[in-house]
Amino acid sequence: MGCGAQRGYKKRVRGTEVDVMILPKIKFEIVVSSEEWEQKTIAAIQKAAFTGEVGDGKIFSYEIRSAMKIRTRECGYDALN
């Protein structure tokens, strides 16, 4: 839930119109194994999410330095399987 640049919407509650300022949001966290897959993933998200309206979202991309699967203590690439 959030309220970025969008202005929310109006809703009737018990006969009274109220402003709803918190809008549902979706967050994806995706880890890929190469720069090639990073670009393909970004392109696919852009294609699927684009409406041209405020609220299309943002994509952040950054390098993962390490990963660990807590249950098995596997590290690095093995932790992602």
PDB file of N, CA and C in Angstrom:
ATOM      1  N   MET A   1       0.847  -1.176   0.000  1.00  0.00           N
ATOM      2  CA  MET A   1       0.000   0.000   0.000  1.00  0.00           C
ATOM      3  C   MET A   1       0.892   1.239   0.000  1.00  0.00           C
ATOM      4  N   GLY A   2       0.414   2.269  -0.656  1.00  0.00           N
ATOM      5  CA  GLY A   2       1.167   3.506  -0.711  1.00  0.00           C
ATOM      6  C   GLY A   2       0.348   4.600  -1.348  1.00  0.00           C
ATOM      7  N   CYS A   3       0.960   5.761  -1.490  1.00  0.00           N
ATOM      8  CA  CYS A   3       0.217   6.880  -2.064  1.00  0.00           C
ATOM      9  C   CYS A   3       1.102   7.803  -2.881  1.00  0.00           C
ATOM     10  N   GLY A   4       2.190   7.382  -3.455  1.00  0.00           N
ATOM     11  CA  GLY A   4       3.077   8.167  -4.311  1.00  0.00           C
ATOM     12  C   GLY A   4       2.481   9.431  -4.885  1.00  0.00           C
ATOM     13  N   ALA A   5       2.635   9.646  -6.188  1.00  0.00           N
ATOM     14  CA  ALA A   5       2.132  10.847  -6.854  1.00  0.00           C
ATOM     15  C   ALA A   5       0.649  10.732  -7.190  1.00  0.00           C
ATOM     16  N   GLN A   6       0.089   9.545  -7.074  1.00  0.00           N
ATOM     17  CA  GLN A   6      -1.332   9.375  -7.352  1.00  0.00           C
ATOM     18  C   GLN A   6      -2.147  10.081  -6.272  1.00  0.00           C
ATOM     19  N   ARG A   7      -3.324  10.465  -6.635  1.00  0.00           N
ATOM     20  CA  ARG A   7      -4.176  11.202  -5.699  1.00  0.00           C
ATOM     21  C   ARG A   7      -5.218  10.323  -5.020  1.00  0.00           C
ATOM     22  N   GLY A   8      -5.138   9.046  -5.184  1.00  0.00           N
ATOM     23  CA  GLY A   8      -6.117   8.169  -4.557  1.00  0.00           C
ATOM     24  C   GLY A   8      -7.435   8.190  -5.309  1.00  0.00           C
ATOM     25  N   TYR A   9      -8.505   7.876  -4.604  1.00  0.00           N
ATOM     26  CA  TYR A   9      -9.826   7.843  -5.229  1.00  0.00           C
ATOM     27  C   TYR A   9     -10.882   8.092  -4.160  1.00  0.00           C
ATOM     28  N   LYS A  10     -12.089   8.331  -4.598  1.00  0.00           N
ATOM     29  CA  LYS A  10     -13.197   8.551  -3.666  1.00  0.00           C
ATOM     30  C   LYS A  10     -14.015   7.268  -3.545  1.00  0.00           C
ATOM     31  N   LYS A  11     -14.538   7.035  -2.338  1.00  0.00           N
ATOM     32  CA  LYS A  11     -15.319   5.832  -2.074  1.00  0.00           C
ATOM     33  C   LYS A  11     -16.468   6.210  -1.142  1.00  0.00           C
ATOM     34  N   ARG A  12     -17.585   5.558  -1.326  1.00  0.00           N
ATOM     35  CA  ARG A  12     -18.722   5.795  -0.433  1.00  0.00           C
ATOM     36  C   ARG A  12     -18.662   4.807   0.733  1.00  0.00           C
ATOM     37  N   VAL A  13     -18.672   5.344   1.935  1.00  0.00           N
ATOM     38  CA  VAL A  13     -18.657   4.536   3.147  1.00  0.00           C
ATOM     39  C   VAL A  13     -19.832   4.991   4.012  1.00  0.00           C
ATOM     40  N   ARG A  14     -20.783   4.093   4.214  1.00  0.00           N
ATOM     41  CA  ARG A  14     -21.974   4.395   5.034  1.00  0.00           C
ATOM     42  C   ARG A  14     -22.666   5.678   4.575  1.00  0.00           C
ATOM     43  N   GLY A  15     -22.756   5.842   3.246  1.00  0.00           N
ATOM     44  CA  GLY A  15     -23.466   6.989   2.695  1.00  0.00           C
ATOM     45  C   GLY A  15     -22.653   8.267   2.592  1.00  0.00           C
ATOM     46  N   THR A  16     -21.413   8.241   3.053  1.00  0.00           N
ATOM     47  CA  THR A  16     -20.555   9.422   3.001  1.00  0.00           C
ATOM     48  C   THR A  16     -19.403   9.170   2.039  1.00  0.00           C
ATOM     49  N   GLU A  17     -19.101  10.174   1.210  1.00  0.00           N
ATOM     50  CA  GLU A  17     -17.986  10.040   0.277  1.00  0.00           C
ATOM     51  C   GLU A  17     -16.686  10.380   1.007  1.00  0.00           C
ATOM     52  N   VAL A  18     -15.722   9.477   0.951  1.00  0.00           N
ATOM     53  CA  VAL A  18     -14.429   9.694   1.611  1.00  0.00           C
ATOM     54  C   VAL A  18     -13.303   9.535   0.591  1.00  0.00           C
ATOM     55  N   ASP A  19     -12.198  10.226   0.847  1.00  0.00           N
ATOM     56  CA  ASP A  19     -11.011  10.096   0.010  1.00  0.00           C
ATOM     57  C   ASP A  19     -10.175   8.925   0.510  1.00  0.00           C
ATOM     58  N   VAL A  20      -9.830   8.023  -0.378  1.00  0.00           N
ATOM     59  CA  VAL A  20      -8.948   6.900  -0.053  1.00  0.00           C
ATOM     60  C   VAL A  20      -7.584   7.246  -0.639  1.00  0.00           C
ATOM     61  N   MET A  21      -6.615   7.515   0.224  1.00  0.00           N
ATOM     62  CA  MET A  21      -5.306   7.983  -0.232  1.00  0.00           C
ATOM     63  C   MET A  21      -4.270   6.867  -0.312  1.00  0.00           C
ATOM     64  N   ILE A  22      -4.580   5.710   0.216  1.00  0.00           N
ATOM     65  CA  ILE A  22      -3.631   4.599   0.170  1.00  0.00           C
ATOM     66  C   ILE A  22      -4.068   3.649  -0.930  1.00  0.00           C
ATOM     67  N   LEU A  23      -3.183   3.424  -1.885  1.00  0.00           N
ATOM     68  CA  LEU A  23      -3.489   2.584  -3.037  1.00  0.00           C
ATOM     69  C   LEU A  23      -2.697   1.290  -2.976  1.00  0.00           C
ATOM     70  N   PRO A  24      -3.259   0.201  -3.472  1.00  0.00           N
ATOM     71  CA  PRO A  24      -2.515  -1.063  -3.478  1.00  0.00           C
ATOM     72  C   PRO A  24      -1.304  -0.978  -4.401  1.00  0.00           C
ATOM     73  N   LYS A  25      -0.208  -1.550  -3.976  1.00  0.00           N
ATOM     74  CA  LYS A  25       1.039  -1.568  -4.747  1.00  0.00           C
ATOM     75  C   LYS A  25       1.531  -3.000  -4.852  1.00  0.00           C
ATOM     76  N   ILE A  26       2.395  -3.241  -5.823  1.00  0.00           N
ATOM     77  CA  ILE A  26       3.030  -4.546  -5.990  1.00  0.00           C
ATOM     78  C   ILE A  26       4.531  -4.331  -6.015  1.00  0.00           C
ATOM     79  N   LYS A  27       5.262  -5.188  -5.319  1.00  0.00           N
ATOM     80  CA  LYS A  27       6.724  -5.116  -5.327  1.00  0.00           C
ATOM     81  C   LYS A  27       7.267  -6.470  -5.751  1.00  0.00           C
ATOM     82  N   PHE A  28       8.137  -6.444  -6.747  1.00  0.00           N
ATOM     83  CA  PHE A  28       8.829  -7.648  -7.193  1.00  0.00           C
ATOM     84  C   PHE A  28      10.286  -7.528  -6.785  1.00  0.00           C
ATOM     85  N   GLU A  29      10.876  -8.608  -6.322  1.00  0.00           N
ATOM     86  CA  GLU A  29      12.321  -8.680  -6.116  1.00  0.00           C
ATOM     87  C   GLU A  29      12.801  -9.858  -6.930  1.00  0.00           C
ATOM     88  N   ILE A  30      13.581  -9.571  -7.967  1.00  0.00           N
ATOM     89  CA  ILE A  30      14.013 -10.587  -8.914  1.00  0.00           C
ATOM     90  C   ILE A  30      15.530 -10.582  -8.972  1.00  0.00           C
ATOM     91  N   VAL A  31      16.136 -11.752  -8.851  1.00  0.00           N
ATOM     92  CA  VAL A  31      17.590 -11.888  -8.971  1.00  0.00           C
ATOM     93  C   VAL A  31      17.874 -12.681 -10.229  1.00  0.00           C
ATOM     94  N   VAL A  32      18.734 -12.132 -11.088  1.00  0.00           N
ATOM     95  CA  VAL A  32      19.125 -12.819 -12.321  1.00  0.00           C
ATOM     96  C   VAL A  32      20.634 -13.013 -12.317  1.00  0.00           C
ATOM     97  N   SER A  33      21.100 -13.941 -13.156  1.00  0.00           N
ATOM     98  CA  SER A  33      22.503 -14.355 -13.084  1.00  0.00           C
ATOM     99  C   SER A  33      23.440 -13.638 -14.043  1.00  0.00           C
ATOM    100  N   SER A  34      22.924 -12.762 -14.903  1.00  0.00           N
ATOM    101  CA  SER A  34      23.816 -12.079 -15.846  1.00  0.00           C
ATOM    102  C   SER A  34      23.221 -10.737 -16.255  1.00  0.00           C
ATOM    103  N   GLU A  35      24.070  -9.888 -16.819  1.00  0.00           N
ATOM    104  CA  GLU A  35      23.611  -8.590 -17.301  1.00  0.00           C
ATOM    105  C   GLU A  35      22.626  -8.761 -18.461  1.00  0.00           C
ATOM    106  N   GLU A  36      22.839  -9.795 -19.269  1.00  0.00           N
ATOM    107  CA  GLU A  36      21.917 -10.078 -20.378  1.00  0.00           C
ATOM    108  C   GLU A  36      20.505 -10.329 -19.843  1.00  0.00           C
ATOM    109  N   TRP A  37      20.395 -11.167 -18.799  1.00  0.00           N
ATOM    110  CA  TRP A  37      19.083 -11.463 -18.227  1.00  0.00           C
ATOM    111  C   TRP A  37      18.511 -10.254 -17.497  1.00  0.00           C
ATOM    112  N   GLU A  38      19.378  -9.438 -16.946  1.00  0.00           N
ATOM    113  CA  GLU A  38      18.915  -8.202 -16.312  1.00  0.00           C
ATOM    114  C   GLU A  38      18.181  -7.338 -17.342  1.00  0.00           C
ATOM    115  N   GLN A  39      18.795  -7.138 -18.501  1.00  0.00           N
ATOM    116  CA  GLN A  39      18.189  -6.306 -19.543  1.00  0.00           C
ATOM    117  C   GLN A  39      16.896  -6.925 -20.081  1.00  0.00           C
ATOM    118  N   LYS A  40      16.887  -8.244 -20.267  1.00  0.00           N
ATOM    119  CA  LYS A  40      15.672  -8.921 -20.742  1.00  0.00           C
ATOM    120  C   LYS A  40      14.539  -8.788 -19.724  1.00  0.00           C
ATOM    121  N   THR A  41      14.872  -8.925 -18.455  1.00  0.00           N
ATOM    122  CA  THR A  41      13.874  -8.833 -17.390  1.00  0.00           C
ATOM    123  C   THR A  41      13.301  -7.425 -17.308  1.00  0.00           C
ATOM    124  N   ILE A  42      14.179  -6.426 -17.361  1.00  0.00           N
ATOM    125  CA  ILE A  42      13.727  -5.033 -17.325  1.00  0.00           C
ATOM    126  C   ILE A  42      12.810  -4.740 -18.508  1.00  0.00           C
ATOM    127  N   ALA A  43      13.198  -5.195 -19.698  1.00  0.00           N
ATOM    128  CA  ALA A  43      12.381  -4.960 -20.897  1.00  0.00           C
ATOM    129  C   ALA A  43      11.003  -5.606 -20.763  1.00  0.00           C
ATOM    130  N   ALA A  44      10.952  -6.817 -20.222  1.00  0.00           N
ATOM    131  CA  ALA A  44       9.670  -7.516 -20.057  1.00  0.00           C
ATOM    132  C   ALA A  44       8.770  -6.796 -19.054  1.00  0.00           C
ATOM    133  N   ILE A  45       9.353  -6.320 -17.957  1.00  0.00           N
ATOM    134  CA  ILE A  45       8.566  -5.600 -16.954  1.00  0.00           C
ATOM    135  C   ILE A  45       8.041  -4.293 -17.539  1.00  0.00           C
ATOM    136  N   GLN A  46       8.915  -3.563 -18.248  1.00  0.00           N
ATOM    137  CA  GLN A  46       8.478  -2.311 -18.874  1.00  0.00           C
ATOM    138  C   GLN A  46       7.313  -2.555 -19.825  1.00  0.00           C
ATOM    139  N   LYS A  47       7.423  -3.580 -20.640  1.00  0.00           N
ATOM    140  CA  LYS A  47       6.382  -3.878 -21.622  1.00  0.00           C
ATOM    141  C   LYS A  47       5.056  -4.216 -20.935  1.00  0.00           C
ATOM    142  N   ALA A  48       5.120  -5.004 -19.873  1.00  0.00           N
ATOM    143  CA  ALA A  48       3.905  -5.438 -19.183  1.00  0.00           C
ATOM    144  C   ALA A  48       3.289  -4.336 -18.320  1.00  0.00           C
ATOM    145  N   ALA A  49       4.119  -3.462 -17.741  1.00  0.00           N
ATOM    146  CA  ALA A  49       3.618  -2.488 -16.772  1.00  0.00           C
ATOM    147  C   ALA A  49       3.245  -1.142 -17.378  1.00  0.00           C
ATOM    148  N   PHE A  50       3.704  -0.843 -18.576  1.00  0.00           N
ATOM    149  CA  PHE A  50       3.521   0.494 -19.143  1.00  0.00           C
ATOM    150  C   PHE A  50       2.064   0.795 -19.482  1.00  0.00           C
ATOM    151  N   THR A  51       1.572   1.918 -18.944  1.00  0.00           N
ATOM    152  CA  THR A  51       0.263   2.435 -19.346  1.00  0.00           C
ATOM    153  C   THR A  51       0.382   3.875 -19.824  1.00  0.00           C
ATOM    154  N   GLY A  52       1.505   4.523 -19.488  1.00  0.00           N
ATOM    155  CA  GLY A  52       1.680   5.930 -19.818  1.00  0.00           C
ATOM    156  C   GLY A  52       1.064   6.855 -18.785  1.00  0.00           C
ATOM    157  N   GLU A  53       0.533   6.287 -17.721  1.00  0.00           N
ATOM    158  CA  GLU A  53      -0.117   7.066 -16.667  1.00  0.00           C
ATOM    159  C   GLU A  53       0.778   7.129 -15.432  1.00  0.00           C
ATOM    160  N   VAL A  54       0.498   8.121 -14.585  1.00  0.00           N
ATOM    161  CA  VAL A  54       1.177   8.192 -13.293  1.00  0.00           C
ATOM    162  C   VAL A  54       0.899   6.890 -12.562  1.00  0.00           C
ATOM    163  N   GLY A  55       1.924   6.306 -11.949  1.00  0.00           N
ATOM    164  CA  GLY A  55       1.728   5.064 -11.211  1.00  0.00           C
ATOM    165  C   GLY A  55       2.220   3.831 -11.929  1.00  0.00           C
ATOM    166  N   ASP A  56       2.812   4.004 -13.129  1.00  0.00           N
ATOM    167  CA  ASP A  56       3.364   2.846 -13.838  1.00  0.00           C
ATOM    168  C   ASP A  56       4.455   2.160 -13.020  1.00  0.00           C
ATOM    169  N   GLY A  57       5.099   2.884 -12.140  1.00  0.00           N
ATOM    170  CA  GLY A  57       6.089   2.285 -11.253  1.00  0.00           C
ATOM    171  C   GLY A  57       7.510   2.664 -11.591  1.00  0.00           C
ATOM    172  N   LYS A  58       8.432   2.045 -10.895  1.00  0.00           N
ATOM    173  CA  LYS A  58       9.861   2.281 -11.059  1.00  0.00           C
ATOM    174  C   LYS A  58      10.569   0.938 -11.047  1.00  0.00           C
ATOM    175  N   ILE A  59      11.715   0.890 -11.704  1.00  0.00           N
ATOM    176  CA  ILE A  59      12.557  -0.304 -11.676  1.00  0.00           C
ATOM    177  C   ILE A  59      13.906   0.111 -11.115  1.00  0.00           C
ATOM    178  N   PHE A  60      14.343  -0.564 -10.079  1.00  0.00           N
ATOM    179  CA  PHE A  60      15.664  -0.348  -9.511  1.00  0.00           C
ATOM    180  C   PHE A  60      16.503  -1.572  -9.828  1.00  0.00           C
ATOM    181  N   SER A  61      17.729  -1.360 -10.238  1.00  0.00           N
ATOM    182  CA  SER A  61      18.620  -2.468 -10.570  1.00  0.00           C
ATOM    183  C   SER A  61      19.932  -2.263  -9.823  1.00  0.00           C
ATOM    184  N   TYR A  62      20.369  -3.290  -9.138  1.00  0.00           N
ATOM    185  CA  TYR A  62      21.642  -3.182  -8.437  1.00  0.00           C
ATOM    186  C   TYR A  62      22.286  -4.548  -8.340  1.00  0.00           C
ATOM    187  N   GLU A  63      23.579  -4.533  -8.112  1.00  0.00           N
ATOM    188  CA  GLU A  63      24.349  -5.773  -8.040  1.00  0.00           C
ATOM    189  C   GLU A  63      24.197  -6.415  -6.661  1.00  0.00           C
ATOM    190  N   ILE A  64      24.024  -7.714  -6.649  1.00  0.00           N
ATOM    191  CA  ILE A  64      23.951  -8.467  -5.390  1.00  0.00           C
ATOM    192  C   ILE A  64      25.364  -8.941  -5.061  1.00  0.00           C
ATOM    193  N   ARG A  65      25.879  -8.541  -3.923  1.00  0.00           N
ATOM    194  CA  ARG A  65      27.239  -8.938  -3.541  1.00  0.00           C
ATOM    195  C   ARG A  65      27.297 -10.360  -3.019  1.00  0.00           C
ATOM    196  N   SER A  66      26.261 -10.764  -2.290  1.00  0.00           N
ATOM    197  CA  SER A  66      26.269 -12.119  -1.741  1.00  0.00           C
ATOM    198  C   SER A  66      24.837 -12.553  -1.452  1.00  0.00           C
ATOM    199  N   ALA A  67      24.684 -13.856  -1.284  1.00  0.00           N
ATOM    200  CA  ALA A  67      23.386 -14.427  -0.932  1.00  0.00           C
ATOM    201  C   ALA A  67      23.634 -15.639  -0.051  1.00  0.00           C
ATOM    202  N   MET A  68      22.723 -15.889   0.891  1.00  0.00           N
ATOM    203  CA  MET A  68      22.846 -17.064   1.754  1.00  0.00           C
ATOM    204  C   MET A  68      21.461 -17.620   2.023  1.00  0.00           C
ATOM    205  N   LYS A  69      21.300 -18.920   1.831  1.00  0.00           N
ATOM    206  CA  LYS A  69      20.054 -19.591   2.195  1.00  0.00           C
ATOM    207  C   LYS A  69      20.200 -19.962   3.668  1.00  0.00           C
ATOM    208  N   ILE A  70      19.394 -19.381   4.515  1.00  0.00           N
ATOM    209  CA  ILE A  70      19.545 -19.543   5.960  1.00  0.00           C
ATOM    210  C   ILE A  70      19.420 -21.002   6.386  1.00  0.00           C
ATOM    211  N   ARG A  71      18.416 -21.708   5.862  1.00  0.00           N
ATOM    212  CA  ARG A  71      18.161 -23.083   6.295  1.00  0.00           C
ATOM    213  C   ARG A  71      19.354 -23.998   6.055  1.00  0.00           C
ATOM    214  N   THR A  72      19.979 -23.899   4.868  1.00  0.00           N
ATOM    215  CA  THR A  72      21.066 -24.821   4.512  1.00  0.00           C
ATOM    216  C   THR A  72      22.451 -24.202   4.636  1.00  0.00           C
ATOM    217  N   ARG A  73      22.489 -22.911   4.849  1.00  0.00           N
ATOM    218  CA  ARG A  73      23.737 -22.143   4.909  1.00  0.00           C
ATOM    219  C   ARG A  73      24.502 -22.139   3.584  1.00  0.00           C
ATOM    220  N   GLU A  74      23.815 -22.498   2.493  1.00  0.00           N
ATOM    221  CA  GLU A  74      24.457 -22.414   1.180  1.00  0.00           C
ATOM    222  C   GLU A  74      24.683 -20.943   0.844  1.00  0.00           C
ATOM    223  N   CYS A  75      25.800 -20.680   0.170  1.00  0.00           N
ATOM    224  CA  CYS A  75      26.151 -19.306  -0.174  1.00  0.00           C
ATOM    225  C   CYS A  75      26.336 -19.152  -1.677  1.00  0.00           C
ATOM    226  N   GLY A  76      26.287 -17.899  -2.110  1.00  0.00           N
ATOM    227  CA  GLY A  76      26.520 -17.601  -3.517  1.00  0.00           C
ATOM    228  C   GLY A  76      25.409 -18.124  -4.405  1.00  0.00           C
ATOM    229  N   TYR A  77      25.781 -18.552  -5.606  1.00  0.00           N
ATOM    230  CA  TYR A  77      24.817 -19.021  -6.600  1.00  0.00           C
ATOM    231  C   TYR A  77      23.994 -20.202  -6.074  1.00  0.00           C
ATOM    232  N   ASP A  78      24.611 -21.088  -5.281  1.00  0.00           N
ATOM    233  CA  ASP A  78      23.904 -22.257  -4.730  1.00  0.00           C
ATOM    234  C   ASP A  78      22.721 -21.851  -3.844  1.00  0.00           C
ATOM    235  N   ALA A  79      22.809 -20.693  -3.220  1.00  0.00           N
ATOM    236  CA  ALA A  79      21.740 -20.236  -2.335  1.00  0.00           C
ATOM    237  C   ALA A  79      20.489 -19.831  -3.107  1.00  0.00           C
ATOM    238  N   LEU A  80      20.608 -19.614  -4.401  1.00  0.00           N
ATOM    239  CA  LEU A  80      19.476 -19.149  -5.199  1.00  0.00           C
ATOM    240  C   LEU A  80      18.633 -20.283  -5.746  1.00  0.00           C
ATOM    241  N   ASN A  81      19.093 -21.495  -5.649  1.00  0.00           N
ATOM    242  CA  ASN A  81      18.345 -22.646  -6.174  1.00  0.00           C
ATOM    243  C   ASN A  81      17.401 -23.211  -5.142  1.00  0.00           C
TER     244      ASN A  81
END
